[in-house]
Amino acid sequence: MKSKHSRNDAGFTLVELLIVMSVILILMVMAIPAMQKTIIRANETSAISSLRNLTSEEGEYASQYPQHGFACSLAALGGKAGSGAPTPEAAQLINEDLAAGSKSGYTFTVTGCTKTTINNVDQYNSYTINAVPNSVGHTGNRGFCTDENAQIRYDPKGGTNCTELLQ
């Protein structure tokens, strides 16, 4: 007597596999925006933390090099640790990634420095540090700014027009 094999013994059908793949695809499409929001929030939190760190290190720089006042560049706050003694041009106060001006999807710059010249030496008495997203909507939504007063403000459009005080 011949035994008959039913189609159910063969495993999954093509239709069943397509349904499972469709469900997985729908779940992925729903998860990607939530993941993007989490990444943006993490990058913004990192930018705020970096601005607080930079403000603190600007104060440290001004106390170590009072004849120069504040640093008017990230490179002056940076410098490779262990490459020699710290100098006003490379104080070795911040990490190399931040000294290069880029960290966690944000670009950092020091602008708006005002100076007075005493005995042919420029002494900077104010600064503004900006942090703007590399790609608004993808790496961050807001731009952030701080100055020698240590208040962090933000631009909801991602630029440097920081009018809103960060709470």
C-alpha atoms as a PDB file:
ATOM      1  CA  MET A   1       0.000   0.000   0.000  1.00  0.00           C
ATOM      2  CA  LYS A   2       1.294   3.468  -0.916  1.00  0.00           C
ATOM      3  CA  SER A   3       1.409   6.126   1.721  1.00  0.00           C
ATOM      4  CA  LYS A   4       0.168   9.549   0.855  1.00  0.00           C
ATOM      5  CA  HIS A   5       2.108  12.580   2.008  1.00  0.00           C
ATOM      6  CA  SER A   6       0.076  15.610   2.873  1.00  0.00           C
ATOM      7  CA  ARG A   7       1.276  19.091   2.001  1.00  0.00           C
ATOM      8  CA  ASN A   8       1.317  20.047   5.685  1.00  0.00           C
ATOM      9  CA  ASP A   9       4.310  17.788   6.314  1.00  0.00           C
ATOM     10  CA  ALA A  10       6.506  19.890   4.015  1.00  0.00           C
ATOM     11  CA  GLY A  11       6.889  22.860   6.432  1.00  0.00           C
ATOM     12  CA  PHE A  12       5.807  26.467   5.958  1.00  0.00           C
ATOM     13  CA  THR A  13       4.055  27.560   2.815  1.00  0.00           C
ATOM     14  CA  LEU A  14       5.154  30.554   0.825  1.00  0.00           C
ATOM     15  CA  VAL A  15       2.056  32.483   1.910  1.00  0.00           C
ATOM     16  CA  GLU A  16       2.817  31.850   5.605  1.00  0.00           C
ATOM     17  CA  LEU A  17       6.396  33.058   5.171  1.00  0.00           C
ATOM     18  CA  LEU A  18       5.212  36.208   3.379  1.00  0.00           C
ATOM     19  CA  ILE A  19       2.753  36.960   6.191  1.00  0.00           C
ATOM     20  CA  VAL A  20       5.478  36.593   8.840  1.00  0.00           C
ATOM     21  CA  MET A  21       7.849  38.785   6.842  1.00  0.00           C
ATOM     22  CA  SER A  22       5.124  41.424   6.430  1.00  0.00           C
ATOM     23  CA  VAL A  23       4.472  41.496  10.184  1.00  0.00           C
ATOM     24  CA  ILE A  24       8.198  41.887  10.890  1.00  0.00           C
ATOM     25  CA  LEU A  25       8.429  44.699   8.320  1.00  0.00           C
ATOM     26  CA  ILE A  26       5.486  46.540   9.903  1.00  0.00           C
ATOM     27  CA  LEU A  27       7.088  46.269  13.345  1.00  0.00           C
ATOM     28  CA  MET A  28      10.376  47.609  11.992  1.00  0.00           C
ATOM     29  CA  VAL A  29       8.662  50.567  10.307  1.00  0.00           C
ATOM     30  CA  MET A  30       7.000  51.447  13.613  1.00  0.00           C
ATOM     31  CA  ALA A  31      10.234  51.075  15.624  1.00  0.00           C
ATOM     32  CA  ILE A  32      12.584  53.169  13.441  1.00  0.00           C
ATOM     33  CA  PRO A  33      11.040  56.608  14.260  1.00  0.00           C
ATOM     34  CA  ALA A  34      11.063  55.800  17.974  1.00  0.00           C
ATOM     35  CA  MET A  35      14.711  54.789  17.714  1.00  0.00           C
ATOM     36  CA  GLN A  36      15.543  57.999  15.816  1.00  0.00           C
ATOM     37  CA  LYS A  37      13.910  60.092  18.560  1.00  0.00           C
ATOM     38  CA  THR A  38      15.977  58.257  21.170  1.00  0.00           C
ATOM     39  CA  ILE A  39      19.191  58.916  19.227  1.00  0.00           C
ATOM     40  CA  ILE A  40      18.332  62.619  18.839  1.00  0.00           C
ATOM     41  CA  ARG A  41      17.565  62.933  22.558  1.00  0.00           C
ATOM     42  CA  ALA A  42      20.845  61.214  23.474  1.00  0.00           C
ATOM     43  CA  ASN A  43      22.820  63.505  21.143  1.00  0.00           C
ATOM     44  CA  GLU A  44      21.141  66.616  22.560  1.00  0.00           C
ATOM     45  CA  THR A  45      21.857  65.471  26.115  1.00  0.00           C
ATOM     46  CA  SER A  46      25.497  64.881  25.173  1.00  0.00           C
ATOM     47  CA  ALA A  47      25.724  68.360  23.590  1.00  0.00           C
ATOM     48  CA  ILE A  48      24.320  70.007  26.732  1.00  0.00           C
ATOM     49  CA  SER A  49      26.748  68.060  28.908  1.00  0.00           C
ATOM     50  CA  SER A  50      29.645  69.016  26.637  1.00  0.00           C
ATOM     51  CA  LEU A  51      28.679  72.702  26.844  1.00  0.00           C
ATOM     52  CA  ARG A  52      28.646  72.516  30.633  1.00  0.00           C
ATOM     53  CA  ASN A  53      32.068  70.866  30.541  1.00  0.00           C
ATOM     54  CA  LEU A  54      33.430  73.486  28.121  1.00  0.00           C
ATOM     55  CA  THR A  55      32.155  76.327  30.308  1.00  0.00           C
ATOM     56  CA  SER A  56      33.844  74.772  33.328  1.00  0.00           C
ATOM     57  CA  GLU A  57      37.098  74.292  31.425  1.00  0.00           C
ATOM     58  CA  GLU A  58      36.982  77.887  30.138  1.00  0.00           C
ATOM     59  CA  GLY A  59      36.988  78.989  33.797  1.00  0.00           C
ATOM     60  CA  GLU A  60      39.880  76.627  34.521  1.00  0.00           C
ATOM     61  CA  TYR A  61      41.777  77.986  31.500  1.00  0.00           C
ATOM     62  CA  ALA A  62      41.235  81.593  32.634  1.00  0.00           C
ATOM     63  CA  SER A  63      42.581  80.768  36.094  1.00  0.00           C
ATOM     64  CA  GLN A  64      45.638  78.895  34.699  1.00  0.00           C
ATOM     65  CA  TYR A  65      46.441  81.563  32.099  1.00  0.00           C
ATOM     66  CA  PRO A  66      45.096  84.850  33.489  1.00  0.00           C
ATOM     67  CA  GLN A  67      47.235  86.854  31.069  1.00  0.00           C
ATOM     68  CA  HIS A  68      45.203  85.292  28.179  1.00  0.00           C
ATOM     69  CA  GLY A  69      41.764  85.351  29.820  1.00  0.00           C
ATOM     70  CA  PHE A  70      39.412  82.838  28.207  1.00  0.00           C
ATOM     71  CA  ALA A  71      40.348  80.501  25.371  1.00  0.00           C
ATOM     72  CA  CYS A  72      38.949  81.647  22.044  1.00  0.00           C
ATOM     73  CA  SER A  73      39.269  78.248  20.357  1.00  0.00           C
ATOM     74  CA  LEU A  74      38.600  74.632  21.179  1.00  0.00           C
ATOM     75  CA  ALA A  75      42.172  73.833  20.135  1.00  0.00           C
ATOM     76  CA  ALA A  76      43.476  76.058  22.939  1.00  0.00           C
ATOM     77  CA  LEU A  77      41.403  74.089  25.445  1.00  0.00           C
ATOM     78  CA  GLY A  78      42.514  70.803  23.888  1.00  0.00           C
ATOM     79  CA  GLY A  79      45.844  69.298  23.102  1.00  0.00           C
ATOM     80  CA  LYS A  80      47.106  65.759  23.263  1.00  0.00           C
ATOM     81  CA  ALA A  81      47.661  64.644  26.843  1.00  0.00           C
ATOM     82  CA  GLY A  82      51.205  63.491  27.449  1.00  0.00           C
ATOM     83  CA  SER A  83      52.636  65.408  24.495  1.00  0.00           C
ATOM     84  CA  GLY A  84      54.446  67.813  26.749  1.00  0.00           C
ATOM     85  CA  ALA A  85      53.546  70.437  29.279  1.00  0.00           C
ATOM     86  CA  PRO A  86      50.223  72.251  28.798  1.00  0.00           C
ATOM     87  CA  THR A  87      50.480  75.659  27.151  1.00  0.00           C
ATOM     88  CA  PRO A  88      48.008  78.483  26.467  1.00  0.00           C
ATOM     89  CA  GLU A  89      47.764  77.179  22.878  1.00  0.00           C
ATOM     90  CA  ALA A  90      47.104  73.560  24.016  1.00  0.00           C
ATOM     91  CA  ALA A  91      45.980  73.491  27.645  1.00  0.00           C
ATOM     92  CA  GLN A  92      45.007  69.779  27.574  1.00  0.00           C
ATOM     93  CA  LEU A  93      41.747  70.454  29.434  1.00  0.00           C
ATOM     94  CA  ILE A  94      39.285  68.705  27.074  1.00  0.00           C
ATOM     95  CA  ASN A  95      39.257  65.468  25.076  1.00  0.00           C
ATOM     96  CA  GLU A  96      40.586  65.391  21.530  1.00  0.00           C
ATOM     97  CA  ASP A  97      37.175  64.717  19.903  1.00  0.00           C
ATOM     98  CA  LEU A  98      35.673  67.804  21.507  1.00  0.00           C
ATOM     99  CA  ALA A  99      38.797  69.867  20.767  1.00  0.00           C
ATOM    100  CA  ALA A 100      38.366  68.897  17.096  1.00  0.00           C
ATOM    101  CA  GLY A 101      34.858  70.383  17.275  1.00  0.00           C
ATOM    102  CA  SER A 102      32.715  67.301  16.747  1.00  0.00           C
ATOM    103  CA  LYS A 103      31.002  64.996  19.202  1.00  0.00           C
ATOM    104  CA  SER A 104      27.809  62.900  19.193  1.00  0.00           C
ATOM    105  CA  GLY A 105      26.299  64.363  16.044  1.00  0.00           C
ATOM    106  CA  TYR A 106      27.022  67.988  16.971  1.00  0.00           C
ATOM    107  CA  THR A 107      29.580  70.538  15.789  1.00  0.00           C
ATOM    108  CA  PHE A 108      31.055  72.829  18.439  1.00  0.00           C
ATOM    109  CA  THR A 109      32.597  76.253  17.793  1.00  0.00           C
ATOM    110  CA  VAL A 110      33.856  79.160  19.887  1.00  0.00           C
ATOM    111  CA  THR A 111      32.780  82.542  18.508  1.00  0.00           C
ATOM    112  CA  GLY A 112      32.089  86.074  19.661  1.00  0.00           C
ATOM    113  CA  CYS A 113      35.326  86.500  21.577  1.00  0.00           C
ATOM    114  CA  THR A 114      36.003  90.030  22.729  1.00  0.00           C
ATOM    115  CA  LYS A 115      39.454  91.028  23.838  1.00  0.00           C
ATOM    116  CA  THR A 116      41.487  93.763  25.346  1.00  0.00           C
ATOM    117  CA  THR A 117      45.165  94.164  24.578  1.00  0.00           C
ATOM    118  CA  ILE A 118      47.458  94.672  27.542  1.00  0.00           C
ATOM    119  CA  ASN A 119      51.231  94.955  26.990  1.00  0.00           C
ATOM    120  CA  ASN A 120      50.820  93.634  23.429  1.00  0.00           C
ATOM    121  CA  VAL A 121      49.046  90.492  24.703  1.00  0.00           C
ATOM    122  CA  ASP A 122      45.426  89.806  23.780  1.00  0.00           C
ATOM    123  CA  GLN A 123      43.283  88.976  26.794  1.00  0.00           C
ATOM    124  CA  TYR A 124      39.867  87.504  25.944  1.00  0.00           C
ATOM    125  CA  ASN A 125      37.147  88.539  28.363  1.00  0.00           C
ATOM    126  CA  SER A 126      34.095  86.966  26.722  1.00  0.00           C
ATOM    127  CA  TYR A 127      33.165  84.103  24.416  1.00  0.00           C
ATOM    128  CA  THR A 128      30.210  82.179  23.005  1.00  0.00           C
ATOM    129  CA  ILE A 129      30.265  78.433  22.457  1.00  0.00           C
ATOM    130  CA  ASN A 130      27.804  77.035  19.920  1.00  0.00           C
ATOM    131  CA  ALA A 131      26.716  73.440  19.419  1.00  0.00           C
ATOM    132  CA  VAL A 132      24.682  72.767  16.272  1.00  0.00           C
ATOM    133  CA  PRO A 133      23.454  69.428  14.950  1.00  0.00           C
ATOM    134  CA  ASN A 134      25.370  68.024  11.982  1.00  0.00           C
ATOM    135  CA  SER A 135      22.016  67.239  10.363  1.00  0.00           C
ATOM    136  CA  VAL A 136      18.894  68.903  11.805  1.00  0.00           C
ATOM    137  CA  GLY A 137      16.195  66.292  12.323  1.00  0.00           C
ATOM    138  CA  HIS A 138      18.639  63.384  12.197  1.00  0.00           C
ATOM    139  CA  THR A 139      21.440  64.004  14.714  1.00  0.00           C
ATOM    140  CA  GLY A 140      19.598  66.678  16.716  1.00  0.00           C
ATOM    141  CA  ASN A 141      16.717  69.120  16.551  1.00  0.00           C
ATOM    142  CA  ARG A 142      17.989  72.039  18.636  1.00  0.00           C
ATOM    143  CA  GLY A 143      21.116  74.173  18.547  1.00  0.00           C
ATOM    144  CA  PHE A 144      22.666  75.187  21.875  1.00  0.00           C
ATOM    145  CA  CYS A 145      24.760  78.164  22.997  1.00  0.00           C
ATOM    146  CA  THR A 146      26.488  79.269  26.175  1.00  0.00           C
ATOM    147  CA  ASP A 147      28.851  82.041  27.192  1.00  0.00           C
ATOM    148  CA  GLU A 148      30.990  83.198  30.110  1.00  0.00           C
ATOM    149  CA  ASN A 149      27.798  83.552  32.196  1.00  0.00           C
ATOM    150  CA  ALA A 150      27.296  79.749  31.954  1.00  0.00           C
ATOM    151  CA  GLN A 151      23.634  79.951  30.942  1.00  0.00           C
ATOM    152  CA  ILE A 152      22.715  77.460  28.241  1.00  0.00           C
ATOM    153  CA  ARG A 153      20.208  78.680  25.693  1.00  0.00           C
ATOM    154  CA  TYR A 154      18.816  76.889  22.671  1.00  0.00           C
ATOM    155  CA  ASP A 155      17.550  77.517  19.172  1.00  0.00           C
ATOM    156  CA  PRO A 156      14.524  75.302  18.464  1.00  0.00           C
ATOM    157  CA  LYS A 157      15.349  75.402  14.719  1.00  0.00           C
ATOM    158  CA  GLY A 158      18.813  73.888  15.222  1.00  0.00           C
ATOM    159  CA  GLY A 159      20.886  76.996  14.536  1.00  0.00           C
ATOM    160  CA  THR A 160      22.801  79.515  16.630  1.00  0.00           C
ATOM    161  CA  ASN A 161      19.943  81.969  17.275  1.00  0.00           C
ATOM    162  CA  CYS A 162      19.720  80.816  20.897  1.00  0.00           C
ATOM    163  CA  THR A 163      16.913  82.778  22.498  1.00  0.00           C
ATOM    164  CA  GLU A 164      15.252  80.163  24.723  1.00  0.00           C
ATOM    165  CA  LEU A 165      16.755  79.494  28.158  1.00  0.00           C
ATOM    166  CA  LEU A 166      17.318  75.785  28.825  1.00  0.00           C
ATOM    167  CA  GLN A 167      15.399  74.748  31.930  1.00  0.00           C
END
